[in-house]
Amino acid sequence: MEILEFQRLMGRLYGEADRQRGVPATVAWLCEELGELAQAVRKGTREQQLHELGDVLAWLASLAEQLDLSLDEAAQRYVINPP
């Protein structure tokens, strides 16, 4: 699955609820999931790590949708002119 396709899927599945929740709450959820990923990386199994990685990706896609930004465009920076 392409990253933009995934972003659009998250928008269709959760977009309405996420927009009602708002950007600040979405950022908070993203941070919480990132913490869970960090814990899984330190102490979890591969399956737990994969699960949490998916959660972080989903919340990042939700945030991008709410901000009307493209994760694909954001990733292009690393293709065109990596920092």
PDB file of N, CA and C in Angstrom:
ATOM      1  N   MET A   1       0.848  -1.174   0.000  1.00  0.00           N
ATOM      2  CA  MET A   1       0.000   0.000   0.000  1.00  0.00           C
ATOM      3  C   MET A   1       0.896   1.241   0.000  1.00  0.00           C
ATOM      4  N   GLU A   2       0.564   2.190  -0.828  1.00  0.00           N
ATOM      5  CA  GLU A   2       1.288   3.459  -0.879  1.00  0.00           C
ATOM      6  C   GLU A   2       0.902   4.323   0.323  1.00  0.00           C
ATOM      7  N   ILE A   3       1.810   5.201   0.728  1.00  0.00           N
ATOM      8  CA  ILE A   3       1.587   5.999   1.935  1.00  0.00           C
ATOM      9  C   ILE A   3       0.374   6.928   1.789  1.00  0.00           C
ATOM     10  N   LEU A   4       0.196   7.525   0.627  1.00  0.00           N
ATOM     11  CA  LEU A   4      -0.957   8.407   0.433  1.00  0.00           C
ATOM     12  C   LEU A   4      -2.266   7.610   0.470  1.00  0.00           C
ATOM     13  N   GLU A   5      -2.239   6.416  -0.086  1.00  0.00           N
ATOM     14  CA  GLU A   5      -3.408   5.547  -0.044  1.00  0.00           C
ATOM     15  C   GLU A   5      -3.762   5.202   1.414  1.00  0.00           C
ATOM     16  N   PHE A   6      -2.739   4.921   2.220  1.00  0.00           N
ATOM     17  CA  PHE A   6      -2.962   4.634   3.633  1.00  0.00           C
ATOM     18  C   PHE A   6      -3.538   5.856   4.343  1.00  0.00           C
ATOM     19  N   GLN A   7      -2.993   7.025   4.053  1.00  0.00           N
ATOM     20  CA  GLN A   7      -3.493   8.258   4.670  1.00  0.00           C
ATOM     21  C   GLN A   7      -4.964   8.460   4.332  1.00  0.00           C
ATOM     22  N   ARG A   8      -5.323   8.266   3.101  1.00  0.00           N
ATOM     23  CA  ARG A   8      -6.726   8.427   2.689  1.00  0.00           C
ATOM     24  C   ARG A   8      -7.623   7.384   3.358  1.00  0.00           C
ATOM     25  N   LEU A   9      -7.127   6.157   3.520  1.00  0.00           N
ATOM     26  CA  LEU A   9      -7.882   5.110   4.215  1.00  0.00           C
ATOM     27  C   LEU A   9      -8.154   5.523   5.659  1.00  0.00           C
ATOM     28  N   MET A  10      -7.159   6.041   6.337  1.00  0.00           N
ATOM     29  CA  MET A  10      -7.352   6.490   7.721  1.00  0.00           C
ATOM     30  C   MET A  10      -8.379   7.623   7.768  1.00  0.00           C
ATOM     31  N   GLY A  11      -8.343   8.482   6.756  1.00  0.00           N
ATOM     32  CA  GLY A  11      -9.323   9.559   6.680  1.00  0.00           C
ATOM     33  C   GLY A  11     -10.736   9.032   6.516  1.00  0.00           C
ATOM     34  N   ARG A  12     -10.896   8.019   5.687  1.00  0.00           N
ATOM     35  CA  ARG A  12     -12.232   7.430   5.498  1.00  0.00           C
ATOM     36  C   ARG A  12     -12.700   6.690   6.747  1.00  0.00           C
ATOM     37  N   LEU A  13     -11.800   5.962   7.383  1.00  0.00           N
ATOM     38  CA  LEU A  13     -12.189   5.163   8.542  1.00  0.00           C
ATOM     39  C   LEU A  13     -12.431   5.997   9.796  1.00  0.00           C
ATOM     40  N   TYR A  14     -11.566   6.972  10.040  1.00  0.00           N
ATOM     41  CA  TYR A  14     -11.575   7.674  11.330  1.00  0.00           C
ATOM     42  C   TYR A  14     -11.663   9.194  11.208  1.00  0.00           C
ATOM     43  N   GLY A  15     -11.695   9.702   9.985  1.00  0.00           N
ATOM     44  CA  GLY A  15     -11.607  11.144   9.773  1.00  0.00           C
ATOM     45  C   GLY A  15     -12.640  11.966  10.507  1.00  0.00           C
ATOM     46  N   GLU A  16     -13.890  11.557  10.445  1.00  0.00           N
ATOM     47  CA  GLU A  16     -14.941  12.345  11.088  1.00  0.00           C
ATOM     48  C   GLU A  16     -14.725  12.416  12.596  1.00  0.00           C
ATOM     49  N   ALA A  17     -14.483  11.278  13.217  1.00  0.00           N
ATOM     50  CA  ALA A  17     -14.263  11.249  14.670  1.00  0.00           C
ATOM     51  C   ALA A  17     -12.995  12.011  15.040  1.00  0.00           C
ATOM     52  N   ASP A  18     -11.943  11.867  14.235  1.00  0.00           N
ATOM     53  CA  ASP A  18     -10.690  12.551  14.533  1.00  0.00           C
ATOM     54  C   ASP A  18     -10.844  14.067  14.398  1.00  0.00           C
ATOM     55  N   ARG A  19     -11.591  14.522  13.393  1.00  0.00           N
ATOM     56  CA  ARG A  19     -11.806  15.970  13.247  1.00  0.00           C
ATOM     57  C   ARG A  19     -12.607  16.521  14.420  1.00  0.00           C
ATOM     58  N   GLN A  20     -13.580  15.756  14.894  1.00  0.00           N
ATOM     59  CA  GLN A  20     -14.350  16.192  16.063  1.00  0.00           C
ATOM     60  C   GLN A  20     -13.461  16.258  17.294  1.00  0.00           C
ATOM     61  N   ARG A  21     -12.533  15.325  17.410  1.00  0.00           N
ATOM     62  CA  ARG A  21     -11.593  15.294  18.532  1.00  0.00           C
ATOM     63  C   ARG A  21     -10.670  16.500  18.466  1.00  0.00           C
ATOM     64  N   GLY A  22     -10.219  16.849  17.253  1.00  0.00           N
ATOM     65  CA  GLY A  22      -9.380  18.022  17.038  1.00  0.00           C
ATOM     66  C   GLY A  22      -7.898  17.718  16.983  1.00  0.00           C
ATOM     67  N   VAL A  23      -7.164  18.673  16.447  1.00  0.00           N
ATOM     68  CA  VAL A  23      -5.725  18.527  16.259  1.00  0.00           C
ATOM     69  C   VAL A  23      -4.982  18.364  17.586  1.00  0.00           C
ATOM     70  N   PRO A  24      -5.234  19.202  18.604  1.00  0.00           N
ATOM     71  CA  PRO A  24      -4.483  19.029  19.857  1.00  0.00           C
ATOM     72  C   PRO A  24      -4.654  17.634  20.466  1.00  0.00           C
ATOM     73  N   ALA A  25      -5.850  17.100  20.441  1.00  0.00           N
ATOM     74  CA  ALA A  25      -6.079  15.759  20.986  1.00  0.00           C
ATOM     75  C   ALA A  25      -5.416  14.697  20.115  1.00  0.00           C
ATOM     76  N   THR A  26      -5.408  14.906  18.812  1.00  0.00           N
ATOM     77  CA  THR A  26      -4.747  13.957  17.917  1.00  0.00           C
ATOM     78  C   THR A  26      -3.248  13.940  18.177  1.00  0.00           C
ATOM     79  N   VAL A  27      -2.663  15.097  18.380  1.00  0.00           N
ATOM     80  CA  VAL A  27      -1.231  15.164  18.710  1.00  0.00           C
ATOM     81  C   VAL A  27      -0.966  14.440  20.027  1.00  0.00           C
ATOM     82  N   ALA A  28      -1.846  14.620  21.004  1.00  0.00           N
ATOM     83  CA  ALA A  28      -1.694  13.937  22.294  1.00  0.00           C
ATOM     84  C   ALA A  28      -1.750  12.421  22.107  1.00  0.00           C
ATOM     85  N   TRP A  29      -2.700  11.938  21.300  1.00  0.00           N
ATOM     86  CA  TRP A  29      -2.802  10.502  21.037  1.00  0.00           C
ATOM     87  C   TRP A  29      -1.562   9.993  20.311  1.00  0.00           C
ATOM     88  N   LEU A  30      -1.073  10.770  19.349  1.00  0.00           N
ATOM     89  CA  LEU A  30       0.134  10.391  18.622  1.00  0.00           C
ATOM     90  C   LEU A  30       1.313  10.253  19.588  1.00  0.00           C
ATOM     91  N   CYS A  31       1.443  11.202  20.502  1.00  0.00           N
ATOM     92  CA  CYS A  31       2.531  11.146  21.488  1.00  0.00           C
ATOM     93  C   CYS A  31       2.384   9.930  22.399  1.00  0.00           C
ATOM     94  N   GLU A  32       1.165   9.643  22.807  1.00  0.00           N
ATOM     95  CA  GLU A  32       0.929   8.468  23.648  1.00  0.00           C
ATOM     96  C   GLU A  32       1.328   7.194  22.912  1.00  0.00           C
ATOM     97  N   GLU A  33       0.937   7.095  21.652  1.00  0.00           N
ATOM     98  CA  GLU A  33       1.281   5.913  20.861  1.00  0.00           C
ATOM     99  C   GLU A  33       2.788   5.819  20.633  1.00  0.00           C
ATOM    100  N   LEU A  34       3.443   6.950  20.478  1.00  0.00           N
ATOM    101  CA  LEU A  34       4.891   6.951  20.319  1.00  0.00           C
ATOM    102  C   LEU A  34       5.567   6.427  21.585  1.00  0.00           C
ATOM    103  N   GLY A  35       5.032   6.802  22.738  1.00  0.00           N
ATOM    104  CA  GLY A  35       5.537   6.271  23.998  1.00  0.00           C
ATOM    105  C   GLY A  35       5.346   4.765  24.093  1.00  0.00           C
ATOM    106  N   GLU A  36       4.196   4.284  23.641  1.00  0.00           N
ATOM    107  CA  GLU A  36       3.937   2.844  23.645  1.00  0.00           C
ATOM    108  C   GLU A  36       4.878   2.122  22.688  1.00  0.00           C
ATOM    109  N   LEU A  37       5.196   2.753  21.565  1.00  0.00           N
ATOM    110  CA  LEU A  37       6.154   2.170  20.633  1.00  0.00           C
ATOM    111  C   LEU A  37       7.537   2.102  21.277  1.00  0.00           C
ATOM    112  N   ALA A  38       7.927   3.162  21.957  1.00  0.00           N
ATOM    113  CA  ALA A  38       9.240   3.163  22.624  1.00  0.00           C
ATOM    114  C   ALA A  38       9.329   2.035  23.647  1.00  0.00           C
ATOM    115  N   GLN A  39       8.270   1.836  24.389  1.00  0.00           N
ATOM    116  CA  GLN A  39       8.250   0.766  25.379  1.00  0.00           C
ATOM    117  C   GLN A  39       8.324  -0.603  24.693  1.00  0.00           C
ATOM    118  N   ALA A  40       7.600  -0.767  23.601  1.00  0.00           N
ATOM    119  CA  ALA A  40       7.625  -2.033  22.868  1.00  0.00           C
ATOM    120  C   ALA A  40       9.004  -2.302  22.282  1.00  0.00           C
ATOM    121  N   VAL A  41       9.672  -1.259  21.828  1.00  0.00           N
ATOM    122  CA  VAL A  41      11.021  -1.424  21.285  1.00  0.00           C
ATOM    123  C   VAL A  41      11.973  -1.882  22.388  1.00  0.00           C
ATOM    124  N   ARG A  42      11.817  -1.319  23.565  1.00  0.00           N
ATOM    125  CA  ARG A  42      12.696  -1.673  24.685  1.00  0.00           C
ATOM    126  C   ARG A  42      12.414  -3.057  25.242  1.00  0.00           C
ATOM    127  N   LYS A  43      11.134  -3.392  25.397  1.00  0.00           N
ATOM    128  CA  LYS A  43      10.791  -4.597  26.159  1.00  0.00           C
ATOM    129  C   LYS A  43       9.826  -5.543  25.460  1.00  0.00           C
ATOM    130  N   GLY A  44       9.331  -5.160  24.302  1.00  0.00           N
ATOM    131  CA  GLY A  44       8.265  -5.935  23.682  1.00  0.00           C
ATOM    132  C   GLY A  44       8.754  -6.954  22.673  1.00  0.00           C
ATOM    133  N   THR A  45       7.808  -7.713  22.213  1.00  0.00           N
ATOM    134  CA  THR A  45       8.068  -8.692  21.167  1.00  0.00           C
ATOM    135  C   THR A  45       8.019  -8.009  19.805  1.00  0.00           C
ATOM    136  N   ARG A  46       8.425  -8.710  18.793  1.00  0.00           N
ATOM    137  CA  ARG A  46       8.339  -8.186  17.428  1.00  0.00           C
ATOM    138  C   ARG A  46       6.891  -7.851  17.083  1.00  0.00           C
ATOM    139  N   GLU A  47       5.959  -8.706  17.485  1.00  0.00           N
ATOM    140  CA  GLU A  47       4.548  -8.476  17.203  1.00  0.00           C
ATOM    141  C   GLU A  47       4.042  -7.217  17.898  1.00  0.00           C
ATOM    142  N   GLN A  48       4.451  -6.994  19.126  1.00  0.00           N
ATOM    143  CA  GLN A  48       4.052  -5.780  19.848  1.00  0.00           C
ATOM    144  C   GLN A  48       4.652  -4.546  19.192  1.00  0.00           C
ATOM    145  N   GLN A  49       5.897  -4.643  18.772  1.00  0.00           N
ATOM    146  CA  GLN A  49       6.550  -3.525  18.091  1.00  0.00           C
ATOM    147  C   GLN A  49       5.826  -3.179  16.799  1.00  0.00           C
ATOM    148  N   LEU A  50       5.473  -4.197  16.033  1.00  0.00           N
ATOM    149  CA  LEU A  50       4.764  -3.991  14.776  1.00  0.00           C
ATOM    150  C   LEU A  50       3.395  -3.362  15.017  1.00  0.00           C
ATOM    151  N   HIS A  51       2.693  -3.838  16.042  1.00  0.00           N
ATOM    152  CA  HIS A  51       1.385  -3.291  16.402  1.00  0.00           C
ATOM    153  C   HIS A  51       1.499  -1.801  16.734  1.00  0.00           C
ATOM    154  N   GLU A  52       2.454  -1.455  17.577  1.00  0.00           N
ATOM    155  CA  GLU A  52       2.608  -0.058  17.987  1.00  0.00           C
ATOM    156  C   GLU A  52       3.095   0.819  16.848  1.00  0.00           C
ATOM    157  N   LEU A  53       3.934   0.280  15.990  1.00  0.00           N
ATOM    158  CA  LEU A  53       4.376   1.029  14.815  1.00  0.00           C
ATOM    159  C   LEU A  53       3.185   1.378  13.929  1.00  0.00           C
ATOM    160  N   GLY A  54       2.277   0.428  13.769  1.00  0.00           N
ATOM    161  CA  GLY A  54       1.060   0.681  13.000  1.00  0.00           C
ATOM    162  C   GLY A  54       0.193   1.753  13.639  1.00  0.00           C
ATOM    163  N   ASP A  55       0.087   1.726  14.981  1.00  0.00           N
ATOM    164  CA  ASP A  55      -0.697   2.754  15.670  1.00  0.00           C
ATOM    165  C   ASP A  55      -0.102   4.142  15.459  1.00  0.00           C
ATOM    166  N   VAL A  56       1.221   4.253  15.551  1.00  0.00           N
ATOM    167  CA  VAL A  56       1.879   5.550  15.329  1.00  0.00           C
ATOM    168  C   VAL A  56       1.632   6.026  13.910  1.00  0.00           C
ATOM    169  N   LEU A  57       1.764   5.129  12.955  1.00  0.00           N
ATOM    170  CA  LEU A  57       1.532   5.489  11.555  1.00  0.00           C
ATOM    171  C   LEU A  57       0.093   5.955  11.330  1.00  0.00           C
ATOM    172  N   ALA A  58      -0.863   5.263  11.950  1.00  0.00           N
ATOM    173  CA  ALA A  58      -2.272   5.634  11.790  1.00  0.00           C
ATOM    174  C   ALA A  58      -2.548   7.023  12.368  1.00  0.00           C
ATOM    175  N   TRP A  59      -2.021   7.303  13.564  1.00  0.00           N
ATOM    176  CA  TRP A  59      -2.254   8.622  14.159  1.00  0.00           C
ATOM    177  C   TRP A  59      -1.529   9.720  13.395  1.00  0.00           C
ATOM    178  N   LEU A  60      -0.348   9.431  12.848  1.00  0.00           N
ATOM    179  CA  LEU A  60       0.358  10.403  12.026  1.00  0.00           C
ATOM    180  C   LEU A  60      -0.440  10.704  10.758  1.00  0.00           C
ATOM    181  N   ALA A  61      -1.003   9.667  10.165  1.00  0.00           N
ATOM    182  CA  ALA A  61      -1.840   9.859   8.976  1.00  0.00           C
ATOM    183  C   ALA A  61      -3.083  10.672   9.318  1.00  0.00           C
ATOM    184  N   SER A  62      -3.670  10.424  10.465  1.00  0.00           N
ATOM    185  CA  SER A  62      -4.838  11.184  10.893  1.00  0.00           C
ATOM    186  C   SER A  62      -4.490  12.661  11.063  1.00  0.00           C
ATOM    187  N   LEU A  63      -3.354  12.918  11.671  1.00  0.00           N
ATOM    188  CA  LEU A  63      -2.927  14.307  11.860  1.00  0.00           C
ATOM    189  C   LEU A  63      -2.711  14.988  10.520  1.00  0.00           C
ATOM    190  N   ALA A  64      -2.045  14.297   9.599  1.00  0.00           N
ATOM    191  CA  ALA A  64      -1.821  14.867   8.268  1.00  0.00           C
ATOM    192  C   ALA A  64      -3.139  15.188   7.579  1.00  0.00           C
ATOM    193  N   GLU A  65      -4.119  14.293   7.691  1.00  0.00           N
ATOM    194  CA  GLU A  65      -5.436  14.532   7.095  1.00  0.00           C
ATOM    195  C   GLU A  65      -6.085  15.776   7.687  1.00  0.00           C
ATOM    196  N   GLN A  66      -6.039  15.906   9.018  1.00  0.00           N
ATOM    197  CA  GLN A  66      -6.666  17.062   9.674  1.00  0.00           C
ATOM    198  C   GLN A  66      -5.986  18.372   9.284  1.00  0.00           C
ATOM    199  N   LEU A  67      -4.672  18.318   9.048  1.00  0.00           N
ATOM    200  CA  LEU A  67      -3.924  19.518   8.662  1.00  0.00           C
ATOM    201  C   LEU A  67      -3.969  19.762   7.163  1.00  0.00           C
ATOM    202  N   ASP A  68      -4.648  18.852   6.429  1.00  0.00           N
ATOM    203  CA  ASP A  68      -4.726  18.919   4.968  1.00  0.00           C
ATOM    204  C   ASP A  68      -3.324  18.939   4.348  1.00  0.00           C
ATOM    205  N   LEU A  69      -2.469  18.052   4.885  1.00  0.00           N
ATOM    206  CA  LEU A  69      -1.109  17.883   4.383  1.00  0.00           C
ATOM    207  C   LEU A  69      -0.949  16.451   3.899  1.00  0.00           C
ATOM    208  N   SER A  70      -0.002  16.246   3.026  1.00  0.00           N
ATOM    209  CA  SER A  70       0.235  14.933   2.442  1.00  0.00           C
ATOM    210  C   SER A  70       1.502  14.313   3.031  1.00  0.00           C
ATOM    211  N   LEU A  71       1.364  13.110   3.595  1.00  0.00           N
ATOM    212  CA  LEU A  71       2.548  12.393   4.060  1.00  0.00           C
ATOM    213  C   LEU A  71       3.481  12.089   2.894  1.00  0.00           C
ATOM    214  N   ASP A  72       2.913  11.856   1.724  1.00  0.00           N
ATOM    215  CA  ASP A  72       3.723  11.612   0.534  1.00  0.00           C
ATOM    216  C   ASP A  72       4.594  12.827   0.224  1.00  0.00           C
ATOM    217  N   GLU A  73       4.003  14.012   0.276  1.00  0.00           N
ATOM    218  CA  GLU A  73       4.770  15.240   0.036  1.00  0.00           C
ATOM    219  C   GLU A  73       5.827  15.440   1.119  1.00  0.00           C
ATOM    220  N   ALA A  74       5.484  15.148   2.364  1.00  0.00           N
ATOM    221  CA  ALA A  74       6.440  15.280   3.455  1.00  0.00           C
ATOM    222  C   ALA A  74       7.628  14.346   3.248  1.00  0.00           C
ATOM    223  N   ALA A  75       7.370  13.136   2.773  1.00  0.00           N
ATOM    224  CA  ALA A  75       8.437  12.168   2.547  1.00  0.00           C
ATOM    225  C   ALA A  75       9.324  12.563   1.366  1.00  0.00           C
ATOM    226  N   GLN A  76       8.780  13.309   0.410  1.00  0.00           N
ATOM    227  CA  GLN A  76       9.550  13.711  -0.769  1.00  0.00           C
ATOM    228  C   GLN A  76      10.784  14.526  -0.394  1.00  0.00           C
ATOM    229  N   ARG A  77      10.732  15.217   0.709  1.00  0.00           N
ATOM    230  CA  ARG A  77      11.882  15.997   1.172  1.00  0.00           C
ATOM    231  C   ARG A  77      13.107  15.089   1.308  1.00  0.00           C
ATOM    232  N   TYR A  78      12.885  13.854   1.746  1.00  0.00           N
ATOM    233  CA  TYR A  78      14.001  12.933   1.931  1.00  0.00           C
ATOM    234  C   TYR A  78      14.458  12.306   0.626  1.00  0.00           C
ATOM    235  N   VAL A  79      13.608  12.359  -0.388  1.00  0.00           N
ATOM    236  CA  VAL A  79      13.972  11.856  -1.704  1.00  0.00           C
ATOM    237  C   VAL A  79      14.752  12.925  -2.465  1.00  0.00           C
ATOM    238  N   ILE A  80      14.256  14.144  -2.403  1.00  0.00           N
ATOM    239  CA  ILE A  80      14.803  15.235  -3.209  1.00  0.00           C
ATOM    240  C   ILE A  80      16.063  15.845  -2.584  1.00  0.00           C
ATOM    241  N   ASN A  81      15.995  16.163  -1.286  1.00  0.00           N
ATOM    242  CA  ASN A  81      17.096  16.861  -0.641  1.00  0.00           C
ATOM    243  C   ASN A  81      17.189  16.436   0.818  1.00  0.00           C
ATOM    244  N   PRO A  82      17.715  15.246   1.079  1.00  0.00           N
ATOM    245  CA  PRO A  82      17.757  14.758   2.465  1.00  0.00           C
ATOM    246  C   PRO A  82      18.569  15.687   3.370  1.00  0.00           C
ATOM    247  N   PRO A  83      18.087  15.867   4.597  1.00  0.00           N
ATOM    248  CA  PRO A  83      18.827  16.750   5.519  1.00  0.00           C
ATOM    249  C   PRO A  83      20.159  16.134   5.928  1.00  0.00           C
TER     250      PRO A  83
END
